[in-house]
Amino acid sequence: MPLPDKYADEPVVELDKDKVTLWRNAQDAADQWQAHADLLKKELIQTLGTSHAGVIDGRKVVTYRPTNKWAEARILADYPDLARHYLVERQQTVLDLEAFRLQHEDVVDQYRVRQFRFVEET
């Protein structure tokens, strides 16, 4: 027995069926092209190896240079015993959103994040 829809009473609006279909088809095509682009990029990076740039007919077309950023999470995962000696505690100031919301709900509601997604049929 399915659970009741907790959003059954939310505000709704009727949409143009053709526009939704076009959007879904466009999104699917974009996802497929992105996967294809990601695969080609991965292959090009593998070809570059340790080189900093790639050329076609002697003309530089891509670069893959080192930056001043490091994959800290991978260092922590690959060398946990070594990395733990370099862990530091830092004080961090963050907004207590729940307390703010309780006092100023009208302000916080203006900043509510919304998520747009397709509802899959069950």
PDB file of N, CA and C in Angstrom:
ATOM      1  N   MET A   1       0.845  -1.174   0.000  1.00  0.00           N
ATOM      2  CA  MET A   1       0.000   0.000   0.000  1.00  0.00           C
ATOM      3  C   MET A   1       0.894   1.242   0.000  1.00  0.00           C
ATOM      4  N   PRO A   2       0.742   2.107  -1.007  1.00  0.00           N
ATOM      5  CA  PRO A   2       1.608   3.291  -1.078  1.00  0.00           C
ATOM      6  C   PRO A   2       1.297   4.290   0.038  1.00  0.00           C
ATOM      7  N   LEU A   3       2.336   5.010   0.409  1.00  0.00           N
ATOM      8  CA  LEU A   3       2.170   6.048   1.429  1.00  0.00           C
ATOM      9  C   LEU A   3       1.421   7.230   0.825  1.00  0.00           C
ATOM     10  N   PRO A   4       0.688   7.959   1.651  1.00  0.00           N
ATOM     11  CA  PRO A   4      -0.002   9.127   1.115  1.00  0.00           C
ATOM     12  C   PRO A   4       1.007  10.194   0.677  1.00  0.00           C
ATOM     13  N   ASP A   5       0.635  10.953  -0.341  1.00  0.00           N
ATOM     14  CA  ASP A   5       1.506  12.003  -0.873  1.00  0.00           C
ATOM     15  C   ASP A   5       1.524  13.167   0.106  1.00  0.00           C
ATOM     16  N   LYS A   6       2.700  13.436   0.709  1.00  0.00           N
ATOM     17  CA  LYS A   6       2.784  14.515   1.697  1.00  0.00           C
ATOM     18  C   LYS A   6       2.650  15.894   1.047  1.00  0.00           C
ATOM     19  N   TYR A   7       2.718  15.941  -0.274  1.00  0.00           N
ATOM     20  CA  TYR A   7       2.575  17.210  -0.998  1.00  0.00           C
ATOM     21  C   TYR A   7       1.242  17.307  -1.731  1.00  0.00           C
ATOM     22  N   ALA A   8       0.289  16.506  -1.347  1.00  0.00           N
ATOM     23  CA  ALA A   8      -1.005  16.449  -2.051  1.00  0.00           C
ATOM     24  C   ALA A   8      -1.717  17.800  -2.090  1.00  0.00           C
ATOM     25  N   ASP A   9      -1.517  18.638  -1.085  1.00  0.00           N
ATOM     26  CA  ASP A   9      -2.237  19.909  -1.011  1.00  0.00           C
ATOM     27  C   ASP A   9      -1.404  21.113  -1.445  1.00  0.00           C
ATOM     28  N   GLU A  10      -0.241  20.888  -2.095  1.00  0.00           N
ATOM     29  CA  GLU A  10       0.592  22.025  -2.498  1.00  0.00           C
ATOM     30  C   GLU A  10      -0.020  22.733  -3.706  1.00  0.00           C
ATOM     31  N   PRO A  11       0.302  24.022  -3.897  1.00  0.00           N
ATOM     32  CA  PRO A  11      -0.226  24.748  -5.057  1.00  0.00           C
ATOM     33  C   PRO A  11       0.309  24.150  -6.362  1.00  0.00           C
ATOM     34  N   VAL A  12      -0.545  24.012  -7.354  1.00  0.00           N
ATOM     35  CA  VAL A  12      -0.154  23.451  -8.652  1.00  0.00           C
ATOM     36  C   VAL A  12      -0.676  24.338  -9.773  1.00  0.00           C
ATOM     37  N   VAL A  13      -0.087  24.185 -10.960  1.00  0.00           N
ATOM     38  CA  VAL A  13      -0.545  24.895 -12.151  1.00  0.00           C
ATOM     39  C   VAL A  13      -0.457  23.919 -13.323  1.00  0.00           C
ATOM     40  N   GLU A  14      -1.405  23.985 -14.236  1.00  0.00           N
ATOM     41  CA  GLU A  14      -1.417  23.121 -15.417  1.00  0.00           C
ATOM     42  C   GLU A  14      -0.362  23.615 -16.406  1.00  0.00           C
ATOM     43  N   LEU A  15       0.479  22.715 -16.926  1.00  0.00           N
ATOM     44  CA  LEU A  15       1.540  23.057 -17.861  1.00  0.00           C
ATOM     45  C   LEU A  15       1.214  22.574 -19.266  1.00  0.00           C
ATOM     46  N   ASP A  16       1.869  23.166 -20.240  1.00  0.00           N
ATOM     47  CA  ASP A  16       1.748  22.762 -21.638  1.00  0.00           C
ATOM     48  C   ASP A  16       2.475  21.425 -21.810  1.00  0.00           C
ATOM     49  N   LYS A  17       1.712  20.384 -22.171  1.00  0.00           N
ATOM     50  CA  LYS A  17       2.264  19.029 -22.287  1.00  0.00           C
ATOM     51  C   LYS A  17       3.405  18.974 -23.304  1.00  0.00           C
ATOM     52  N   ASP A  18       3.254  19.652 -24.441  1.00  0.00           N
ATOM     53  CA  ASP A  18       4.283  19.638 -25.480  1.00  0.00           C
ATOM     54  C   ASP A  18       5.577  20.284 -24.982  1.00  0.00           C
ATOM     55  N   LYS A  19       5.445  21.372 -24.232  1.00  0.00           N
ATOM     56  CA  LYS A  19       6.631  22.060 -23.721  1.00  0.00           C
ATOM     57  C   LYS A  19       7.383  21.178 -22.718  1.00  0.00           C
ATOM     58  N   VAL A  20       6.649  20.460 -21.873  1.00  0.00           N
ATOM     59  CA  VAL A  20       7.283  19.557 -20.913  1.00  0.00           C
ATOM     60  C   VAL A  20       7.996  18.430 -21.655  1.00  0.00           C
ATOM     61  N   THR A  21       7.355  17.883 -22.687  1.00  0.00           N
ATOM     62  CA  THR A  21       7.978  16.824 -23.486  1.00  0.00           C
ATOM     63  C   THR A  21       9.238  17.333 -24.177  1.00  0.00           C
ATOM     64  N   LEU A  22       9.165  18.539 -24.761  1.00  0.00           N
ATOM     65  CA  LEU A  22      10.341  19.127 -25.404  1.00  0.00           C
ATOM     66  C   LEU A  22      11.473  19.335 -24.402  1.00  0.00           C
ATOM     67  N   TRP A  23      11.131  19.829 -23.211  1.00  0.00           N
ATOM     68  CA  TRP A  23      12.146  20.032 -22.167  1.00  0.00           C
ATOM     69  C   TRP A  23      12.798  18.711 -21.771  1.00  0.00           C
ATOM     70  N   ARG A  24      11.974  17.674 -21.549  1.00  0.00           N
ATOM     71  CA  ARG A  24      12.522  16.357 -21.163  1.00  0.00           C
ATOM     72  C   ARG A  24      13.446  15.822 -22.253  1.00  0.00           C
ATOM     73  N   ASN A  25      13.021  15.920 -23.506  1.00  0.00           N
ATOM     74  CA  ASN A  25      13.848  15.437 -24.616  1.00  0.00           C
ATOM     75  C   ASN A  25      15.148  16.229 -24.717  1.00  0.00           C
ATOM     76  N   ALA A  26      15.066  17.542 -24.553  1.00  0.00           N
ATOM     77  CA  ALA A  26      16.262  18.380 -24.606  1.00  0.00           C
ATOM     78  C   ALA A  26      17.207  18.045 -23.457  1.00  0.00           C
ATOM     79  N   GLN A  27      16.646  17.844 -22.261  1.00  0.00           N
ATOM     80  CA  GLN A  27      17.479  17.504 -21.102  1.00  0.00           C
ATOM     81  C   GLN A  27      18.142  16.147 -21.291  1.00  0.00           C
ATOM     82  N   ASP A  28      17.405  15.181 -21.814  1.00  0.00           N
ATOM     83  CA  ASP A  28      17.992  13.858 -22.082  1.00  0.00           C
ATOM     84  C   ASP A  28      19.125  13.956 -23.099  1.00  0.00           C
ATOM     85  N   ALA A  29      18.907  14.736 -24.156  1.00  0.00           N
ATOM     86  CA  ALA A  29      19.950  14.918 -25.172  1.00  0.00           C
ATOM     87  C   ALA A  29      21.161  15.619 -24.573  1.00  0.00           C
ATOM     88  N   ALA A  30      20.929  16.641 -23.758  1.00  0.00           N
ATOM     89  CA  ALA A  30      22.036  17.356 -23.113  1.00  0.00           C
ATOM     90  C   ALA A  30      22.821  16.419 -22.205  1.00  0.00           C
ATOM     91  N   ASP A  31      22.128  15.577 -21.465  1.00  0.00           N
ATOM     92  CA  ASP A  31      22.802  14.619 -20.579  1.00  0.00           C
ATOM     93  C   ASP A  31      23.658  13.637 -21.377  1.00  0.00           C
ATOM     94  N   GLN A  32      23.122  13.180 -22.511  1.00  0.00           N
ATOM     95  CA  GLN A  32      23.876  12.248 -23.356  1.00  0.00           C
ATOM     96  C   GLN A  32      25.108  12.931 -23.946  1.00  0.00           C
ATOM     97  N   TRP A  33      24.943  14.156 -24.430  1.00  0.00           N
ATOM     98  CA  TRP A  33      26.081  14.890 -24.982  1.00  0.00           C
ATOM     99  C   TRP A  33      27.118  15.180 -23.901  1.00  0.00           C
ATOM    100  N   GLN A  34      26.653  15.505 -22.667  1.00  0.00           N
ATOM    101  CA  GLN A  34      27.591  15.768 -21.579  1.00  0.00           C
ATOM    102  C   GLN A  34      28.393  14.516 -21.243  1.00  0.00           C
ATOM    103  N   ALA A  35      27.736  13.364 -21.224  1.00  0.00           N
ATOM    104  CA  ALA A  35      28.441  12.108 -20.962  1.00  0.00           C
ATOM    105  C   ALA A  35      29.468  11.837 -22.060  1.00  0.00           C
ATOM    106  N   HIS A  36      29.083  12.111 -23.314  1.00  0.00           N
ATOM    107  CA  HIS A  36      29.996  11.927 -24.445  1.00  0.00           C
ATOM    108  C   HIS A  36      31.186  12.881 -24.335  1.00  0.00           C
ATOM    109  N   ALA A  37      30.913  14.147 -24.005  1.00  0.00           N
ATOM    110  CA  ALA A  37      31.979  15.146 -23.842  1.00  0.00           C
ATOM    111  C   ALA A  37      32.913  14.753 -22.699  1.00  0.00           C
ATOM    112  N   ASP A  38      32.345  14.278 -21.594  1.00  0.00           N
ATOM    113  CA  ASP A  38      33.165  13.864 -20.448  1.00  0.00           C
ATOM    114  C   ASP A  38      34.090  12.714 -20.814  1.00  0.00           C
ATOM    115  N   LEU A  39      33.584  11.752 -21.595  1.00  0.00           N
ATOM    116  CA  LEU A  39      34.397  10.614 -22.024  1.00  0.00           C
ATOM    117  C   LEU A  39      35.542  11.078 -22.932  1.00  0.00           C
ATOM    118  N   LEU A  40      35.240  11.942 -23.897  1.00  0.00           N
ATOM    119  CA  LEU A  40      36.280  12.460 -24.788  1.00  0.00           C
ATOM    120  C   LEU A  40      37.325  13.259 -24.013  1.00  0.00           C
ATOM    121  N   LYS A  41      36.889  14.070 -23.060  1.00  0.00           N
ATOM    122  CA  LYS A  41      37.820  14.839 -22.233  1.00  0.00           C
ATOM    123  C   LYS A  41      38.729  13.905 -21.436  1.00  0.00           C
ATOM    124  N   LYS A  42      38.162  12.849 -20.871  1.00  0.00           N
ATOM    125  CA  LYS A  42      38.952  11.878 -20.106  1.00  0.00           C
ATOM    126  C   LYS A  42      40.019  11.235 -20.996  1.00  0.00           C
ATOM    127  N   GLU A  43      39.642  10.892 -22.223  1.00  0.00           N
ATOM    128  CA  GLU A  43      40.596  10.286 -23.153  1.00  0.00           C
ATOM    129  C   GLU A  43      41.707  11.267 -23.517  1.00  0.00           C
ATOM    130  N   LEU A  44      41.351  12.539 -23.732  1.00  0.00           N
ATOM    131  CA  LEU A  44      42.363  13.545 -24.047  1.00  0.00           C
ATOM    132  C   LEU A  44      43.318  13.755 -22.873  1.00  0.00           C
ATOM    133  N   ILE A  45      42.787  13.784 -21.651  1.00  0.00           N
ATOM    134  CA  ILE A  45      43.629  13.939 -20.460  1.00  0.00           C
ATOM    135  C   ILE A  45      44.577  12.759 -20.325  1.00  0.00           C
ATOM    136  N   GLN A  46      44.081  11.553 -20.594  1.00  0.00           N
ATOM    137  CA  GLN A  46      44.949  10.370 -20.539  1.00  0.00           C
ATOM    138  C   GLN A  46      46.055  10.471 -21.584  1.00  0.00           C
ATOM    139  N   THR A  47      45.728  10.968 -22.762  1.00  0.00           N
ATOM    140  CA  THR A  47      46.730  11.138 -23.816  1.00  0.00           C
ATOM    141  C   THR A  47      47.776  12.165 -23.412  1.00  0.00           C
ATOM    142  N   LEU A  48      47.355  13.254 -22.754  1.00  0.00           N
ATOM    143  CA  LEU A  48      48.287  14.290 -22.317  1.00  0.00           C
ATOM    144  C   LEU A  48      49.290  13.764 -21.297  1.00  0.00           C
ATOM    145  N   GLY A  49      48.857  12.833 -20.453  1.00  0.00           N
ATOM    146  CA  GLY A  49      49.768  12.296 -19.438  1.00  0.00           C
ATOM    147  C   GLY A  49      50.279  13.402 -18.537  1.00  0.00           C
ATOM    148  N   THR A  50      51.609  13.565 -18.475  1.00  0.00           N
ATOM    149  CA  THR A  50      52.194  14.605 -17.622  1.00  0.00           C
ATOM    150  C   THR A  50      52.476  15.897 -18.388  1.00  0.00           C
ATOM    151  N   SER A  51      52.158  15.914 -19.669  1.00  0.00           N
ATOM    152  CA  SER A  51      52.367  17.136 -20.466  1.00  0.00           C
ATOM    153  C   SER A  51      51.419  18.231 -20.001  1.00  0.00           C
ATOM    154  N   HIS A  52      51.797  19.463 -20.239  1.00  0.00           N
ATOM    155  CA  HIS A  52      50.987  20.593 -19.812  1.00  0.00           C
ATOM    156  C   HIS A  52      50.090  21.129 -20.922  1.00  0.00           C
ATOM    157  N   ALA A  53      50.294  20.687 -22.150  1.00  0.00           N
ATOM    158  CA  ALA A  53      49.475  21.181 -23.250  1.00  0.00           C
ATOM    159  C   ALA A  53      49.430  20.157 -24.370  1.00  0.00           C
ATOM    160  N   GLY A  54      48.406  20.299 -25.215  1.00  0.00           N
ATOM    161  CA  GLY A  54      48.272  19.454 -26.388  1.00  0.00           C
ATOM    162  C   GLY A  54      48.164  20.318 -27.629  1.00  0.00           C
ATOM    163  N   VAL A  55      48.723  19.826 -28.724  1.00  0.00           N
ATOM    164  CA  VAL A  55      48.745  20.598 -29.961  1.00  0.00           C
ATOM    165  C   VAL A  55      48.118  19.810 -31.108  1.00  0.00           C
ATOM    166  N   ILE A  56      47.640  20.556 -32.103  1.00  0.00           N
ATOM    167  CA  ILE A  56      47.215  19.983 -33.380  1.00  0.00           C
ATOM    168  C   ILE A  56      47.965  20.758 -34.445  1.00  0.00           C
ATOM    169  N   ASP A  57      48.700  20.039 -35.276  1.00  0.00           N
ATOM    170  CA  ASP A  57      49.525  20.663 -36.316  1.00  0.00           C
ATOM    171  C   ASP A  57      50.423  21.753 -35.731  1.00  0.00           C
ATOM    172  N   GLY A  58      50.957  21.500 -34.537  1.00  0.00           N
ATOM    173  CA  GLY A  58      51.878  22.431 -33.898  1.00  0.00           C
ATOM    174  C   GLY A  58      51.214  23.600 -33.189  1.00  0.00           C
ATOM    175  N   ARG A  59      49.896  23.724 -33.294  1.00  0.00           N
ATOM    176  CA  ARG A  59      49.175  24.830 -32.643  1.00  0.00           C
ATOM    177  C   ARG A  59      48.540  24.325 -31.347  1.00  0.00           C
ATOM    178  N   LYS A  60      48.814  25.013 -30.227  1.00  0.00           N
ATOM    179  CA  LYS A  60      48.301  24.620 -28.915  1.00  0.00           C
ATOM    180  C   LYS A  60      46.783  24.752 -28.901  1.00  0.00           C
ATOM    181  N   VAL A  61      46.093  23.662 -28.543  1.00  0.00           N
ATOM    182  CA  VAL A  61      44.627  23.675 -28.524  1.00  0.00           C
ATOM    183  C   VAL A  61      44.033  23.403 -27.140  1.00  0.00           C
ATOM    184  N   VAL A  62      44.776  22.735 -26.279  1.00  0.00           N
ATOM    185  CA  VAL A  62      44.307  22.484 -24.910  1.00  0.00           C
ATOM    186  C   VAL A  62      45.484  22.592 -23.955  1.00  0.00           C
ATOM    187  N   THR A  63      45.165  22.942 -22.712  1.00  0.00           N
ATOM    188  CA  THR A  63      46.189  22.932 -21.667  1.00  0.00           C
ATOM    189  C   THR A  63      45.694  22.091 -20.504  1.00  0.00           C
ATOM    190  N   TYR A  64      46.632  21.519 -19.767  1.00  0.00           N
ATOM    191  CA  TYR A  64      46.327  20.708 -18.589  1.00  0.00           C
ATOM    192  C   TYR A  64      47.448  20.953 -17.588  1.00  0.00           C
ATOM    193  N   ARG A  65      47.501  22.206 -17.142  1.00  0.00           N
ATOM    194  CA  ARG A  65      48.590  22.652 -16.280  1.00  0.00           C
ATOM    195  C   ARG A  65      48.257  22.438 -14.815  1.00  0.00           C
ATOM    196  N   PRO A  66      49.280  22.191 -13.997  1.00  0.00           N
ATOM    197  CA  PRO A  66      49.048  22.100 -12.551  1.00  0.00           C
ATOM    198  C   PRO A  66      48.571  23.448 -12.007  1.00  0.00           C
ATOM    199  N   THR A  67      47.763  23.407 -10.965  1.00  0.00           N
ATOM    200  CA  THR A  67      47.264  24.619 -10.310  1.00  0.00           C
ATOM    201  C   THR A  67      47.775  24.646  -8.875  1.00  0.00           C
ATOM    202  N   ASN A  68      47.382  25.654  -8.142  1.00  0.00           N
ATOM    203  CA  ASN A  68      47.743  25.735  -6.731  1.00  0.00           C
ATOM    204  C   ASN A  68      46.642  25.157  -5.847  1.00  0.00           C
ATOM    205  N   LYS A  69      46.028  24.098  -6.307  1.00  0.00           N
ATOM    206  CA  LYS A  69      45.001  23.388  -5.548  1.00  0.00           C
ATOM    207  C   LYS A  69      45.391  21.912  -5.483  1.00  0.00           C
ATOM    208  N   TRP A  70      45.010  21.250  -4.402  1.00  0.00           N
ATOM    209  CA  TRP A  70      45.321  19.841  -4.236  1.00  0.00           C
ATOM    210  C   TRP A  70      44.064  19.094  -3.812  1.00  0.00           C
ATOM    211  N   ALA A  71      43.994  17.827  -4.138  1.00  0.00           N
ATOM    212  CA  ALA A  71      42.854  16.975  -3.800  1.00  0.00           C
ATOM    213  C   ALA A  71      43.020  16.492  -2.359  1.00  0.00           C
ATOM    214  N   GLU A  72      42.646  17.365  -1.400  1.00  0.00           N
ATOM    215  CA  GLU A  72      42.857  17.067   0.016  1.00  0.00           C
ATOM    216  C   GLU A  72      42.116  15.815   0.472  1.00  0.00           C
ATOM    217  N   ALA A  73      40.895  15.627   0.020  1.00  0.00           N
ATOM    218  CA  ALA A  73      40.123  14.454   0.431  1.00  0.00           C
ATOM    219  C   ALA A  73      40.816  13.163  -0.001  1.00  0.00           C
ATOM    220  N   ARG A  74      41.426  13.173  -1.180  1.00  0.00           N
ATOM    221  CA  ARG A  74      42.144  11.973  -1.647  1.00  0.00           C
ATOM    222  C   ARG A  74      43.406  11.733  -0.833  1.00  0.00           C
ATOM    223  N   ILE A  75      44.113  12.822  -0.437  1.00  0.00           N
ATOM    224  CA  ILE A  75      45.285  12.662   0.423  1.00  0.00           C
ATOM    225  C   ILE A  75      44.859  12.024   1.743  1.00  0.00           C
ATOM    226  N   LEU A  76      43.765  12.544   2.328  1.00  0.00           N
ATOM    227  CA  LEU A  76      43.257  11.998   3.590  1.00  0.00           C
ATOM    228  C   LEU A  76      42.854  10.529   3.455  1.00  0.00           C
ATOM    229  N   ALA A  77      42.261  10.181   2.327  1.00  0.00           N
ATOM    230  CA  ALA A  77      41.833   8.796   2.109  1.00  0.00           C
ATOM    231  C   ALA A  77      43.014   7.869   1.845  1.00  0.00           C
ATOM    232  N   ASP A  78      43.996   8.345   1.070  1.00  0.00           N
ATOM    233  CA  ASP A  78      45.127   7.494   0.693  1.00  0.00           C
ATOM    234  C   ASP A  78      46.212   7.410   1.768  1.00  0.00           C
ATOM    235  N   TYR A  79      46.357   8.468   2.568  1.00  0.00           N
ATOM    236  CA  TYR A  79      47.402   8.509   3.597  1.00  0.00           C
ATOM    237  C   TYR A  79      46.837   8.972   4.941  1.00  0.00           C
ATOM    238  N   PRO A  80      45.848   8.236   5.492  1.00  0.00           N
ATOM    239  CA  PRO A  80      45.193   8.708   6.718  1.00  0.00           C
ATOM    240  C   PRO A  80      46.150   8.838   7.909  1.00  0.00           C
ATOM    241  N   ASP A  81      47.069   7.886   8.090  1.00  0.00           N
ATOM    242  CA  ASP A  81      47.984   7.944   9.234  1.00  0.00           C
ATOM    243  C   ASP A  81      48.943   9.122   9.127  1.00  0.00           C
ATOM    244  N   LEU A  82      49.438   9.368   7.942  1.00  0.00           N
ATOM    245  CA  LEU A  82      50.362  10.474   7.731  1.00  0.00           C
ATOM    246  C   LEU A  82      49.621  11.821   7.816  1.00  0.00           C
ATOM    247  N   ALA A  83      48.454  11.895   7.192  1.00  0.00           N
ATOM    248  CA  ALA A  83      47.712  13.151   7.124  1.00  0.00           C
ATOM    249  C   ALA A  83      47.179  13.586   8.486  1.00  0.00           C
ATOM    250  N   ARG A  84      46.857  12.636   9.365  1.00  0.00           N
ATOM    251  CA  ARG A  84      46.266  13.024  10.653  1.00  0.00           C
ATOM    252  C   ARG A  84      47.198  13.890  11.483  1.00  0.00           C
ATOM    253  N   HIS A  85      48.501  13.791  11.255  1.00  0.00           N
ATOM    254  CA  HIS A  85      49.463  14.624  11.977  1.00  0.00           C
ATOM    255  C   HIS A  85      49.366  16.092  11.552  1.00  0.00           C
ATOM    256  N   TYR A  86      48.717  16.347  10.445  1.00  0.00           N
ATOM    257  CA  TYR A  86      48.636  17.705   9.908  1.00  0.00           C
ATOM    258  C   TYR A  86      47.219  18.286   9.954  1.00  0.00           C
ATOM    259  N   LEU A  87      46.319  17.588  10.642  1.00  0.00           N
ATOM    260  CA  LEU A  87      44.958  18.090  10.791  1.00  0.00           C
ATOM    261  C   LEU A  87      44.953  19.190  11.849  1.00  0.00           C
ATOM    262  N   VAL A  88      44.248  20.273  11.571  1.00  0.00           N
ATOM    263  CA  VAL A  88      44.144  21.380  12.516  1.00  0.00           C
ATOM    264  C   VAL A  88      42.670  21.706  12.747  1.00  0.00           C
ATOM    265  N   GLU A  89      42.365  22.138  13.955  1.00  0.00           N
ATOM    266  CA  GLU A  89      41.010  22.577  14.253  1.00  0.00           C
ATOM    267  C   GLU A  89      40.938  24.068  14.003  1.00  0.00           C
ATOM    268  N   ARG A  90      39.838  24.499  13.377  1.00  0.00           N
ATOM    269  CA  ARG A  90      39.643  25.911  13.098  1.00  0.00           C
ATOM    270  C   ARG A  90      38.269  26.318  13.602  1.00  0.00           C
ATOM    271  N   GLN A  91      38.180  27.513  14.144  1.00  0.00           N
ATOM    272  CA  GLN A  91      36.891  28.045  14.547  1.00  0.00           C
ATOM    273  C   GLN A  91      36.189  28.577  13.307  1.00  0.00           C
ATOM    274  N   GLN A  92      34.905  28.271  13.191  1.00  0.00           N
ATOM    275  CA  GLN A  92      34.161  28.682  12.015  1.00  0.00           C
ATOM    276  C   GLN A  92      32.883  29.385  12.450  1.00  0.00           C
ATOM    277  N   THR A  93      32.595  30.507  11.861  1.00  0.00           N
ATOM    278  CA  THR A  93      31.371  31.237  12.163  1.00  0.00           C
ATOM    279  C   THR A  93      30.345  30.928  11.079  1.00  0.00           C
ATOM    280  N   VAL A  94      29.205  30.410  11.502  1.00  0.00           N
ATOM    281  CA  VAL A  94      28.140  30.068  10.552  1.00  0.00           C
ATOM    282  C   VAL A  94      26.821  30.647  11.046  1.00  0.00           C
ATOM    283  N   LEU A  95      25.908  30.871  10.154  1.00  0.00           N
ATOM    284  CA  LEU A  95      24.592  31.399  10.493  1.00  0.00           C
ATOM    285  C   LEU A  95      23.752  30.301  11.143  1.00  0.00           C
ATOM    286  N   ASP A  96      23.206  30.569  12.315  1.00  0.00           N
ATOM    287  CA  ASP A  96      22.269  29.647  12.955  1.00  0.00           C
ATOM    288  C   ASP A  96      20.917  29.878  12.287  1.00  0.00           C
ATOM    289  N   LEU A  97      20.736  29.234  11.148  1.00  0.00           N
ATOM    290  CA  LEU A  97      19.566  29.471  10.319  1.00  0.00           C
ATOM    291  C   LEU A  97      18.271  29.127  11.039  1.00  0.00           C
ATOM    292  N   GLU A  98      18.270  28.072  11.820  1.00  0.00           N
ATOM    293  CA  GLU A  98      17.045  27.672  12.511  1.00  0.00           C
ATOM    294  C   GLU A  98      16.615  28.740  13.523  1.00  0.00           C
ATOM    295  N   ALA A  99      17.550  29.278  14.289  1.00  0.00           N
ATOM    296  CA  ALA A  99      17.225  30.338  15.245  1.00  0.00           C
ATOM    297  C   ALA A  99      16.777  31.597  14.508  1.00  0.00           C
ATOM    298  N   PHE A 100      17.456  31.931  13.416  1.00  0.00           N
ATOM    299  CA  PHE A 100      17.094  33.097  12.608  1.00  0.00           C
ATOM    300  C   PHE A 100      15.687  32.923  12.050  1.00  0.00           C
ATOM    301  N   ARG A 101      15.399  31.716  11.550  1.00  0.00           N
ATOM    302  CA  ARG A 101      14.087  31.428  10.965  1.00  0.00           C
ATOM    303  C   ARG A 101      12.974  31.552  11.998  1.00  0.00           C
ATOM    304  N   LEU A 102      13.241  31.101  13.223  1.00  0.00           N
ATOM    305  CA  LEU A 102      12.221  31.177  14.265  1.00  0.00           C
ATOM    306  C   LEU A 102      11.865  32.628  14.601  1.00  0.00           C
ATOM    307  N   GLN A 103      12.817  33.532  14.491  1.00  0.00           N
ATOM    308  CA  GLN A 103      12.574  34.937  14.803  1.00  0.00           C
ATOM    309  C   GLN A 103      12.168  35.759  13.576  1.00  0.00           C
ATOM    310  N   HIS A 104      12.604  35.369  12.397  1.00  0.00           N
ATOM    311  CA  HIS A 104      12.396  36.180  11.187  1.00  0.00           C
ATOM    312  C   HIS A 104      11.966  35.312  10.007  1.00  0.00           C
ATOM    313  N   GLU A 105      10.913  34.569  10.191  1.00  0.00           N
ATOM    314  CA  GLU A 105      10.460  33.635   9.156  1.00  0.00           C
ATOM    315  C   GLU A 105      10.134  34.350   7.846  1.00  0.00           C
ATOM    316  N   ASP A 106       9.590  35.567   7.917  1.00  0.00           N
ATOM    317  CA  ASP A 106       9.240  36.314   6.714  1.00  0.00           C
ATOM    318  C   ASP A 106      10.471  36.653   5.884  1.00  0.00           C
ATOM    319  N   VAL A 107      11.587  36.910   6.526  1.00  0.00           N
ATOM    320  CA  VAL A 107      12.835  37.204   5.808  1.00  0.00           C
ATOM    321  C   VAL A 107      13.395  35.921   5.202  1.00  0.00           C
ATOM    322  N   VAL A 108      13.478  34.874   6.000  1.00  0.00           N
ATOM    323  CA  VAL A 108      14.079  33.612   5.550  1.00  0.00           C
ATOM    324  C   VAL A 108      13.299  33.019   4.380  1.00  0.00           C
ATOM    325  N   ASP A 109      11.985  33.143   4.397  1.00  0.00           N
ATOM    326  CA  ASP A 109      11.170  32.564   3.315  1.00  0.00           C
ATOM    327  C   ASP A 109      11.518  33.144   1.952  1.00  0.00           C
ATOM    328  N   GLN A 110      12.022  34.367   1.909  1.00  0.00           N
ATOM    329  CA  GLN A 110      12.412  34.982   0.635  1.00  0.00           C
ATOM    330  C   GLN A 110      13.646  34.305   0.036  1.00  0.00           C
ATOM    331  N   TYR A 111      14.384  33.569   0.841  1.00  0.00           N
ATOM    332  CA  TYR A 111      15.631  32.946   0.409  1.00  0.00           C
ATOM    333  C   TYR A 111      15.527  31.428   0.330  1.00  0.00           C
ATOM    334  N   ARG A 112      14.334  30.918   0.367  1.00  0.00           N
ATOM    335  CA  ARG A 112      14.124  29.471   0.291  1.00  0.00           C
ATOM    336  C   ARG A 112      14.568  28.969  -1.076  1.00  0.00           C
ATOM    337  N   VAL A 113      15.393  27.964  -1.106  1.00  0.00           N
ATOM    338  CA  VAL A 113      15.886  27.377  -2.351  1.00  0.00           C
ATOM    339  C   VAL A 113      14.831  26.427  -2.885  1.00  0.00           C
ATOM    340  N   ARG A 114      14.603  26.497  -4.193  1.00  0.00           N
ATOM    341  CA  ARG A 114      13.638  25.598  -4.830  1.00  0.00           C
ATOM    342  C   ARG A 114      14.365  24.668  -5.781  1.00  0.00           C
ATOM    343  N   GLN A 115      13.841  23.478  -5.939  1.00  0.00           N
ATOM    344  CA  GLN A 115      14.447  22.480  -6.820  1.00  0.00           C
ATOM    345  C   GLN A 115      13.462  22.146  -7.931  1.00  0.00           C
ATOM    346  N   PHE A 116      13.922  22.261  -9.184  1.00  0.00           N
ATOM    347  CA  PHE A 116      13.099  21.939 -10.341  1.00  0.00           C
ATOM    348  C   PHE A 116      13.483  20.552 -10.831  1.00  0.00           C
ATOM    349  N   ARG A 117      12.539  19.648 -10.889  1.00  0.00           N
ATOM    350  CA  ARG A 117      12.829  18.301 -11.376  1.00  0.00           C
ATOM    351  C   ARG A 117      11.556  17.652 -11.887  1.00  0.00           C
ATOM    352  N   PHE A 118      11.745  16.626 -12.697  1.00  0.00           N
ATOM    353  CA  PHE A 118      10.613  15.897 -13.261  1.00  0.00           C
ATOM    354  C   PHE A 118      10.129  14.869 -12.248  1.00  0.00           C
ATOM    355  N   VAL A 119       8.821  14.724 -12.116  1.00  0.00           N
ATOM    356  CA  VAL A 119       8.247  13.728 -11.222  1.00  0.00           C
ATOM    357  C   VAL A 119       8.124  12.425 -12.014  1.00  0.00           C
ATOM    358  N   GLU A 120       8.842  11.423 -11.576  1.00  0.00           N
ATOM    359  CA  GLU A 120       8.791  10.122 -12.256  1.00  0.00           C
ATOM    360  C   GLU A 120       7.465   9.442 -11.959  1.00  0.00           C
ATOM    361  N   GLU A 121       6.909   8.832 -12.979  1.00  0.00           N
ATOM    362  CA  GLU A 121       5.649   8.112 -12.794  1.00  0.00           C
ATOM    363  C   GLU A 121       5.905   6.794 -12.095  1.00  0.00           C
ATOM    364  N   THR A 122       4.990   6.414 -11.189  1.00  0.00           N
ATOM    365  CA  THR A 122       5.146   5.147 -10.456  1.00  0.00           C
ATOM    366  C   THR A 122       4.128   4.147 -10.880  1.00  0.00           C
TER     367      THR A 122
END
